Amino acid sequence: MSSIIILLIFSDLLFGQTKKEQIFIDFLDARYAGNADSAKMYLDPNFVYNHVPYVGLGISTYMDNGHLKISSVSPFGPARSLISKDDIILEVNGIKASEENVRSGMLNFLGAENDTINIVLESSLNQFNSIDITLAQNQFKQGVDSFLNDIRKYNDRWYEYDIELLDYFSKKNNVVLYYHWEGVLTEGGPTYHWRAMEIIKMNPKGRKIVSIDAIWSEKQFRDQFK
């Protein structure tokens, strides 16, 4: 994969940059360049990546020959004792789990915390169940190994990309990074964009990153109840 890293830093930040802030910027570079070995050098052994919390069931799905199948179930989500990996979702709130309904967004698992969703399932044992599940807040967390594995997968997927560091703010052992990412999957293919804001905390003694917290964007918030 070809990759391009561009860090465009505001002029007033360029000359006020501290050694601590440079560590975070270098880590961001290694992370999106897919250099897991370099990224690991910046991480504390007890590092945790806290993904954006969301209200949902804590399940992941995929289409398989026209069937909406469960690929994973969070051990901390409200569906953990009711849904299993490889179960097939037939209906959600009376809407058929067809590929067309999934693609159009008619079928979704969205709602507010404590809302109830009805799901009709076919289990791997060909048993049919209609269950009501209450939506709850979930947050996916990753340790060092899982986080680095995602870095390697990222590097294999994208043909090229750019990163623009829009702004950052640091105080004591915390830095807030705000950046814009864009990339293409194939040469000459369409360009994908997203922006991210993250709070990165450093161990003051070891100068290692102990945690990263992803922060909601307005779009992510609105997407919950489309």
C-alpha atoms as a PDB file:
ATOM      1  CA  MET A   1       0.000   0.000   0.000  1.00  0.00           C
ATOM      2  CA  SER A   2       1.157   3.492  -0.821  1.00  0.00           C
ATOM      3  CA  SER A   3       0.660   5.980   1.988  1.00  0.00           C
ATOM      4  CA  ILE A   4       1.014   9.713   2.432  1.00  0.00           C
ATOM      5  CA  ILE A   5       1.131  11.453   5.792  1.00  0.00           C
ATOM      6  CA  ILE A   6       0.636  15.206   5.758  1.00  0.00           C
ATOM      7  CA  LEU A   7       0.585  17.076   9.070  1.00  0.00           C
ATOM      8  CA  LEU A   8      -0.460  20.656   8.512  1.00  0.00           C
ATOM      9  CA  ILE A   9      -0.030  22.476  11.784  1.00  0.00           C
ATOM     10  CA  PHE A  10      -1.202  26.004  12.431  1.00  0.00           C
ATOM     11  CA  SER A  11       1.743  28.407  12.411  1.00  0.00           C
ATOM     12  CA  ASP A  12       1.130  29.492  15.987  1.00  0.00           C
ATOM     13  CA  LEU A  13       1.369  25.840  17.069  1.00  0.00           C
ATOM     14  CA  LEU A  14       4.380  24.956  14.983  1.00  0.00           C
ATOM     15  CA  PHE A  15       6.807  26.980  17.046  1.00  0.00           C
ATOM     16  CA  GLY A  16       5.146  26.375  20.423  1.00  0.00           C
ATOM     17  CA  GLN A  17       5.252  22.606  20.140  1.00  0.00           C
ATOM     18  CA  THR A  18       6.674  20.802  23.188  1.00  0.00           C
ATOM     19  CA  LYS A  19       8.576  17.528  23.286  1.00  0.00           C
ATOM     20  CA  LYS A  20       5.504  15.852  24.799  1.00  0.00           C
ATOM     21  CA  GLU A  21       3.273  17.110  21.987  1.00  0.00           C
ATOM     22  CA  GLN A  22       5.776  15.900  19.390  1.00  0.00           C
ATOM     23  CA  ILE A  23       5.518  12.405  20.874  1.00  0.00           C
ATOM     24  CA  PHE A  24       1.782  12.399  20.238  1.00  0.00           C
ATOM     25  CA  ILE A  25       2.224  13.664  16.682  1.00  0.00           C
ATOM     26  CA  ASP A  26       4.891  11.031  15.936  1.00  0.00           C
ATOM     27  CA  PHE A  27       2.589   8.361  17.374  1.00  0.00           C
ATOM     28  CA  LEU A  28      -0.261   9.508  15.106  1.00  0.00           C
ATOM     29  CA  ASP A  29       2.094   9.261  12.135  1.00  0.00           C
ATOM     30  CA  ALA A  30       3.162   5.690  13.024  1.00  0.00           C
ATOM     31  CA  ARG A  31      -0.410   4.648  13.759  1.00  0.00           C
ATOM     32  CA  TYR A  32      -1.858   5.629  10.389  1.00  0.00           C
ATOM     33  CA  ALA A  33       1.233   4.583   8.470  1.00  0.00           C
ATOM     34  CA  GLY A  34       0.444   1.061   9.667  1.00  0.00           C
ATOM     35  CA  ASN A  35       3.773   0.811  11.496  1.00  0.00           C
ATOM     36  CA  ALA A  36       2.631  -1.281  14.441  1.00  0.00           C
ATOM     37  CA  ASP A  37       6.148  -1.841  15.779  1.00  0.00           C
ATOM     38  CA  SER A  38       6.829   1.904  15.953  1.00  0.00           C
ATOM     39  CA  ALA A  39       3.394   2.622  17.430  1.00  0.00           C
ATOM     40  CA  LYS A  40       3.965   0.003  20.129  1.00  0.00           C
ATOM     41  CA  MET A  41       7.022   1.886  21.361  1.00  0.00           C
ATOM     42  CA  TYR A  42       4.743   4.736  22.454  1.00  0.00           C
ATOM     43  CA  LEU A  43       2.222   2.569  24.347  1.00  0.00           C
ATOM     44  CA  ASP A  44       2.148   1.660  28.026  1.00  0.00           C
ATOM     45  CA  PRO A  45       1.756  -2.122  28.658  1.00  0.00           C
ATOM     46  CA  ASN A  46      -1.650  -1.377  30.231  1.00  0.00           C
ATOM     47  CA  PHE A  47      -2.764   0.839  27.346  1.00  0.00           C
ATOM     48  CA  VAL A  48      -6.515   1.053  26.637  1.00  0.00           C
ATOM     49  CA  TYR A  49      -8.280   2.497  23.597  1.00  0.00           C
ATOM     50  CA  ASN A  50     -11.781   3.608  24.601  1.00  0.00           C
ATOM     51  CA  HIS A  51     -14.029   3.731  21.551  1.00  0.00           C
ATOM     52  CA  VAL A  52     -16.913   6.178  21.348  1.00  0.00           C
ATOM     53  CA  PRO A  53     -19.713   4.990  23.651  1.00  0.00           C
ATOM     54  CA  TYR A  54     -23.029   4.362  21.959  1.00  0.00           C
ATOM     55  CA  VAL A  55     -26.559   3.199  22.747  1.00  0.00           C
ATOM     56  CA  GLY A  56     -27.291  -0.156  21.154  1.00  0.00           C
ATOM     57  CA  LEU A  57     -27.416  -3.938  21.508  1.00  0.00           C
ATOM     58  CA  GLY A  58     -23.690  -4.641  21.403  1.00  0.00           C
ATOM     59  CA  ILE A  59     -23.909  -6.861  18.317  1.00  0.00           C
ATOM     60  CA  SER A  60     -22.250  -6.864  14.884  1.00  0.00           C
ATOM     61  CA  THR A  61     -23.944  -8.223  11.746  1.00  0.00           C
ATOM     62  CA  TYR A  62     -23.159  -9.012   8.114  1.00  0.00           C
ATOM     63  CA  MET A  63     -25.082 -10.171   5.052  1.00  0.00           C
ATOM     64  CA  ASP A  64     -24.443 -13.781   3.980  1.00  0.00           C
ATOM     65  CA  ASN A  65     -26.320 -15.087   0.932  1.00  0.00           C
ATOM     66  CA  GLY A  66     -29.286 -12.851   1.669  1.00  0.00           C
ATOM     67  CA  HIS A  67     -29.334 -13.575   5.405  1.00  0.00           C
ATOM     68  CA  LEU A  68     -28.479 -11.044   8.127  1.00  0.00           C
ATOM     69  CA  LYS A  69     -26.172 -13.013  10.426  1.00  0.00           C
ATOM     70  CA  ILE A  70     -24.631 -12.177  13.804  1.00  0.00           C
ATOM     71  CA  SER A  71     -20.841 -11.940  13.588  1.00  0.00           C
ATOM     72  CA  SER A  72     -20.175 -11.039  17.233  1.00  0.00           C
ATOM     73  CA  VAL A  73     -21.942 -10.306  20.514  1.00  0.00           C
ATOM     74  CA  SER A  74     -20.395  -8.072  23.160  1.00  0.00           C
ATOM     75  CA  PRO A  75     -20.023  -9.816  26.535  1.00  0.00           C
ATOM     76  CA  PHE A  76     -21.042  -6.499  28.133  1.00  0.00           C
ATOM     77  CA  GLY A  77     -24.053  -5.655  25.924  1.00  0.00           C
ATOM     78  CA  PRO A  78     -27.756  -6.252  26.649  1.00  0.00           C
ATOM     79  CA  ALA A  79     -28.007  -8.995  23.998  1.00  0.00           C
ATOM     80  CA  ARG A  80     -25.263 -11.183  25.475  1.00  0.00           C
ATOM     81  CA  SER A  81     -27.590 -13.825  26.978  1.00  0.00           C
ATOM     82  CA  LEU A  82     -30.238 -13.644  24.243  1.00  0.00           C
ATOM     83  CA  ILE A  83     -28.358 -13.666  20.924  1.00  0.00           C
ATOM     84  CA  SER A  84     -25.467 -15.856  19.784  1.00  0.00           C
ATOM     85  CA  LYS A  85     -22.866 -15.663  17.046  1.00  0.00           C
ATOM     86  CA  ASP A  86     -24.174 -17.113  13.746  1.00  0.00           C
ATOM     87  CA  ASP A  87     -27.836 -16.540  14.660  1.00  0.00           C
ATOM     88  CA  ILE A  88     -29.868 -15.168  11.726  1.00  0.00           C
ATOM     89  CA  ILE A  89     -32.003 -12.051  12.198  1.00  0.00           C
ATOM     90  CA  LEU A  90     -35.311 -12.396  10.343  1.00  0.00           C
ATOM     91  CA  GLU A  91     -37.123  -9.229  11.485  1.00  0.00           C
ATOM     92  CA  VAL A  92     -36.495  -6.103  13.567  1.00  0.00           C
ATOM     93  CA  ASN A  93     -39.599  -4.333  14.888  1.00  0.00           C
ATOM     94  CA  GLY A  94     -41.682  -6.032  12.202  1.00  0.00           C
ATOM     95  CA  ILE A  95     -39.369  -5.057   9.322  1.00  0.00           C
ATOM     96  CA  LYS A  96     -37.962  -7.937   7.277  1.00  0.00           C
ATOM     97  CA  ALA A  97     -34.161  -8.271   7.431  1.00  0.00           C
ATOM     98  CA  SER A  98     -33.702  -8.237   3.672  1.00  0.00           C
ATOM     99  CA  GLU A  99     -30.592  -6.943   1.955  1.00  0.00           C
ATOM    100  CA  GLU A 100     -32.609  -4.078   0.449  1.00  0.00           C
ATOM    101  CA  ASN A 101     -34.001  -2.986   3.841  1.00  0.00           C
ATOM    102  CA  VAL A 102     -30.557  -3.160   5.430  1.00  0.00           C
ATOM    103  CA  ARG A 103     -28.949  -1.170   2.617  1.00  0.00           C
ATOM    104  CA  SER A 104     -31.668   1.514   2.627  1.00  0.00           C
ATOM    105  CA  GLY A 105     -31.541   1.945   6.399  1.00  0.00           C
ATOM    106  CA  MET A 106     -35.165   0.883   6.901  1.00  0.00           C
ATOM    107  CA  LEU A 107     -33.961  -1.907   9.178  1.00  0.00           C
ATOM    108  CA  ASN A 108     -31.870  -0.665  12.096  1.00  0.00           C
ATOM    109  CA  PHE A 109     -31.232  -1.174  15.793  1.00  0.00           C
ATOM    110  CA  LEU A 110     -31.315   2.524  16.717  1.00  0.00           C
ATOM    111  CA  GLY A 111     -33.088   4.193  19.602  1.00  0.00           C
ATOM    112  CA  ALA A 112     -32.667   5.903  22.942  1.00  0.00           C
ATOM    113  CA  GLU A 113     -31.376   4.219  26.069  1.00  0.00           C
ATOM    114  CA  ASN A 114     -34.048   1.953  27.622  1.00  0.00           C
ATOM    115  CA  ASP A 115     -36.034   1.727  24.356  1.00  0.00           C
ATOM    116  CA  THR A 116     -37.134  -1.829  23.538  1.00  0.00           C
ATOM    117  CA  ILE A 117     -36.495  -3.537  20.189  1.00  0.00           C
ATOM    118  CA  ASN A 118     -38.254  -6.703  19.060  1.00  0.00           C
ATOM    119  CA  ILE A 119     -36.101  -9.146  17.078  1.00  0.00           C
ATOM    120  CA  VAL A 120     -37.170 -12.386  15.403  1.00  0.00           C
ATOM    121  CA  LEU A 121     -34.259 -14.822  15.225  1.00  0.00           C
ATOM    122  CA  GLU A 122     -33.397 -18.169  13.715  1.00  0.00           C
ATOM    123  CA  SER A 123     -30.744 -19.908  15.787  1.00  0.00           C
ATOM    124  CA  SER A 124     -28.000 -22.187  14.485  1.00  0.00           C
ATOM    125  CA  LEU A 125     -30.220 -25.089  15.671  1.00  0.00           C
ATOM    126  CA  ASN A 126     -33.059 -23.879  13.398  1.00  0.00           C
ATOM    127  CA  GLN A 127     -35.090 -22.669  16.373  1.00  0.00           C
ATOM    128  CA  PHE A 128     -37.179 -19.520  15.975  1.00  0.00           C
ATOM    129  CA  ASN A 129     -37.467 -16.932  18.741  1.00  0.00           C
ATOM    130  CA  SER A 130     -39.130 -13.549  19.121  1.00  0.00           C
ATOM    131  CA  ILE A 131     -37.306 -11.552  21.787  1.00  0.00           C
ATOM    132  CA  ASP A 132     -37.526  -8.047  23.228  1.00  0.00           C
ATOM    133  CA  ILE A 133     -34.202  -6.402  24.090  1.00  0.00           C
ATOM    134  CA  THR A 134     -33.703  -3.095  25.913  1.00  0.00           C
ATOM    135  CA  LEU A 135     -31.114  -0.761  24.394  1.00  0.00           C
ATOM    136  CA  ALA A 136     -28.253   0.159  26.718  1.00  0.00           C
ATOM    137  CA  GLN A 137     -25.025   2.134  26.605  1.00  0.00           C
ATOM    138  CA  ASN A 138     -22.040   0.180  25.276  1.00  0.00           C
ATOM    139  CA  GLN A 139     -18.374   1.029  24.929  1.00  0.00           C
ATOM    140  CA  PHE A 140     -15.852  -1.144  23.124  1.00  0.00           C
ATOM    141  CA  LYS A 141     -12.364  -1.142  24.655  1.00  0.00           C
ATOM    142  CA  GLN A 142      -9.101  -2.439  23.189  1.00  0.00           C
ATOM    143  CA  GLY A 143      -5.824  -3.368  24.820  1.00  0.00           C
ATOM    144  CA  VAL A 144      -2.367  -3.145  23.219  1.00  0.00           C
ATOM    145  CA  ASP A 145      -2.516  -6.334  21.112  1.00  0.00           C
ATOM    146  CA  SER A 146      -5.979  -5.703  19.678  1.00  0.00           C
ATOM    147  CA  PHE A 147      -5.177  -2.054  18.941  1.00  0.00           C
ATOM    148  CA  LEU A 148      -1.937  -2.932  17.130  1.00  0.00           C
ATOM    149  CA  ASN A 149      -3.689  -5.670  15.151  1.00  0.00           C
ATOM    150  CA  ASP A 150      -6.171  -3.075  13.868  1.00  0.00           C
ATOM    151  CA  ILE A 151      -3.240  -0.878  12.816  1.00  0.00           C
ATOM    152  CA  ARG A 152      -1.855  -3.720  10.694  1.00  0.00           C
ATOM    153  CA  LYS A 153      -5.271  -4.390   9.117  1.00  0.00           C
ATOM    154  CA  TYR A 154      -5.659  -0.709   8.310  1.00  0.00           C
ATOM    155  CA  ASN A 155      -2.326  -0.633   6.505  1.00  0.00           C
ATOM    156  CA  ASP A 156      -3.341  -3.616   4.356  1.00  0.00           C
ATOM    157  CA  ARG A 157      -6.695  -2.127   3.374  1.00  0.00           C
ATOM    158  CA  TRP A 158      -6.001   1.409   2.088  1.00  0.00           C
ATOM    159  CA  TYR A 159      -4.080   2.254  -1.082  1.00  0.00           C
ATOM    160  CA  GLU A 160      -3.145   5.777   0.052  1.00  0.00           C
ATOM    161  CA  TYR A 161      -4.336   8.413   2.469  1.00  0.00           C
ATOM    162  CA  ASP A 162      -3.636  11.864   3.903  1.00  0.00           C
ATOM    163  CA  ILE A 163      -3.890  13.127   7.451  1.00  0.00           C
ATOM    164  CA  GLU A 164      -4.245  16.809   8.273  1.00  0.00           C
ATOM    165  CA  LEU A 165      -3.750  17.780  11.915  1.00  0.00           C
ATOM    166  CA  LEU A 166      -6.255  20.585  12.314  1.00  0.00           C
ATOM    167  CA  ASP A 167      -5.589  21.547  15.912  1.00  0.00           C
ATOM    168  CA  TYR A 168      -4.425  20.261  19.261  1.00  0.00           C
ATOM    169  CA  PHE A 169      -4.434  21.339  22.880  1.00  0.00           C
ATOM    170  CA  SER A 170      -2.305  20.006  25.714  1.00  0.00           C
ATOM    171  CA  LYS A 171      -2.482  20.313  29.482  1.00  0.00           C
ATOM    172  CA  LYS A 172      -0.284  18.400  31.882  1.00  0.00           C
ATOM    173  CA  ASN A 173      -0.370  14.767  30.758  1.00  0.00           C
ATOM    174  CA  ASN A 174      -3.309  15.082  28.353  1.00  0.00           C
ATOM    175  CA  VAL A 175      -3.446  16.129  24.718  1.00  0.00           C
ATOM    176  CA  VAL A 176      -6.568  16.630  22.593  1.00  0.00           C
ATOM    177  CA  LEU A 177      -5.930  15.958  18.884  1.00  0.00           C
ATOM    178  CA  TYR A 178      -8.317  17.058  16.150  1.00  0.00           C
ATOM    179  CA  TYR A 179      -7.536  15.759  12.669  1.00  0.00           C
ATOM    180  CA  HIS A 180      -8.980  15.115   9.240  1.00  0.00           C
ATOM    181  CA  TRP A 181      -8.381  11.847   7.371  1.00  0.00           C
ATOM    182  CA  GLU A 182      -9.025  11.000   3.741  1.00  0.00           C
ATOM    183  CA  GLY A 183      -8.074   7.942   1.716  1.00  0.00           C
ATOM    184  CA  VAL A 184      -8.738   5.713  -1.285  1.00  0.00           C
ATOM    185  CA  LEU A 185      -9.042   1.930  -1.433  1.00  0.00           C
ATOM    186  CA  THR A 186      -7.722   1.579  -4.994  1.00  0.00           C
ATOM    187  CA  GLU A 187      -5.695   3.733  -7.346  1.00  0.00           C
ATOM    188  CA  GLY A 188      -8.025   6.291  -8.923  1.00  0.00           C
ATOM    189  CA  GLY A 189     -10.932   5.175  -6.713  1.00  0.00           C
ATOM    190  CA  PRO A 190     -13.362   7.375  -4.753  1.00  0.00           C
ATOM    191  CA  THR A 191     -12.071   9.324  -1.753  1.00  0.00           C
ATOM    192  CA  TYR A 192     -13.434   8.687   1.746  1.00  0.00           C
ATOM    193  CA  HIS A 193     -13.313  11.334   4.495  1.00  0.00           C
ATOM    194  CA  TRP A 194     -13.787  11.550   8.230  1.00  0.00           C
ATOM    195  CA  ARG A 195     -12.711  13.750  11.132  1.00  0.00           C
ATOM    196  CA  ALA A 196     -11.707  12.590  14.574  1.00  0.00           C
ATOM    197  CA  MET A 197     -11.087  14.102  17.969  1.00  0.00           C
ATOM    198  CA  GLU A 198      -9.290  12.092  20.632  1.00  0.00           C
ATOM    199  CA  ILE A 199      -8.050  12.657  24.177  1.00  0.00           C
ATOM    200  CA  ILE A 200      -4.652  11.024  24.694  1.00  0.00           C
ATOM    201  CA  LYS A 201      -3.273  10.528  28.204  1.00  0.00           C
ATOM    202  CA  MET A 202       0.404   9.955  28.949  1.00  0.00           C
ATOM    203  CA  ASN A 203       2.116   8.331  31.906  1.00  0.00           C
ATOM    204  CA  PRO A 204       4.190  11.227  33.365  1.00  0.00           C
ATOM    205  CA  LYS A 205       6.994   8.908  34.499  1.00  0.00           C
ATOM    206  CA  GLY A 206       7.405   6.492  31.628  1.00  0.00           C
ATOM    207  CA  ARG A 207       6.403   8.941  28.881  1.00  0.00           C
ATOM    208  CA  LYS A 208       4.121   6.261  27.480  1.00  0.00           C
ATOM    209  CA  ILE A 209       0.540   6.603  26.264  1.00  0.00           C
ATOM    210  CA  VAL A 210      -1.795   4.937  28.762  1.00  0.00           C
ATOM    211  CA  SER A 211      -5.147   5.633  27.100  1.00  0.00           C
ATOM    212  CA  ILE A 212      -6.922   7.138  24.104  1.00  0.00           C
ATOM    213  CA  ASP A 213     -10.544   8.251  24.365  1.00  0.00           C
ATOM    214  CA  ALA A 214     -12.500   8.806  21.151  1.00  0.00           C
ATOM    215  CA  ILE A 215     -14.995  11.688  21.271  1.00  0.00           C
ATOM    216  CA  TRP A 216     -18.409  11.972  19.642  1.00  0.00           C
ATOM    217  CA  SER A 217     -18.864  14.153  16.602  1.00  0.00           C
ATOM    218  CA  GLU A 218     -22.232  15.791  15.932  1.00  0.00           C
ATOM    219  CA  LYS A 219     -22.740  13.501  12.916  1.00  0.00           C
ATOM    220  CA  GLN A 220     -22.135  10.387  15.013  1.00  0.00           C
ATOM    221  CA  PHE A 221     -24.668  11.613  17.546  1.00  0.00           C
ATOM    222  CA  ARG A 222     -27.301  12.348  14.887  1.00  0.00           C
ATOM    223  CA  ASP A 223     -26.695   8.993  13.191  1.00  0.00           C
ATOM    224  CA  GLN A 224     -28.024   7.251  16.316  1.00  0.00           C
ATOM    225  CA  PHE A 225     -31.579   8.329  15.667  1.00  0.00           C
ATOM    226  CA  LYS A 226     -31.885   8.630  11.863  1.00  0.00           C
END
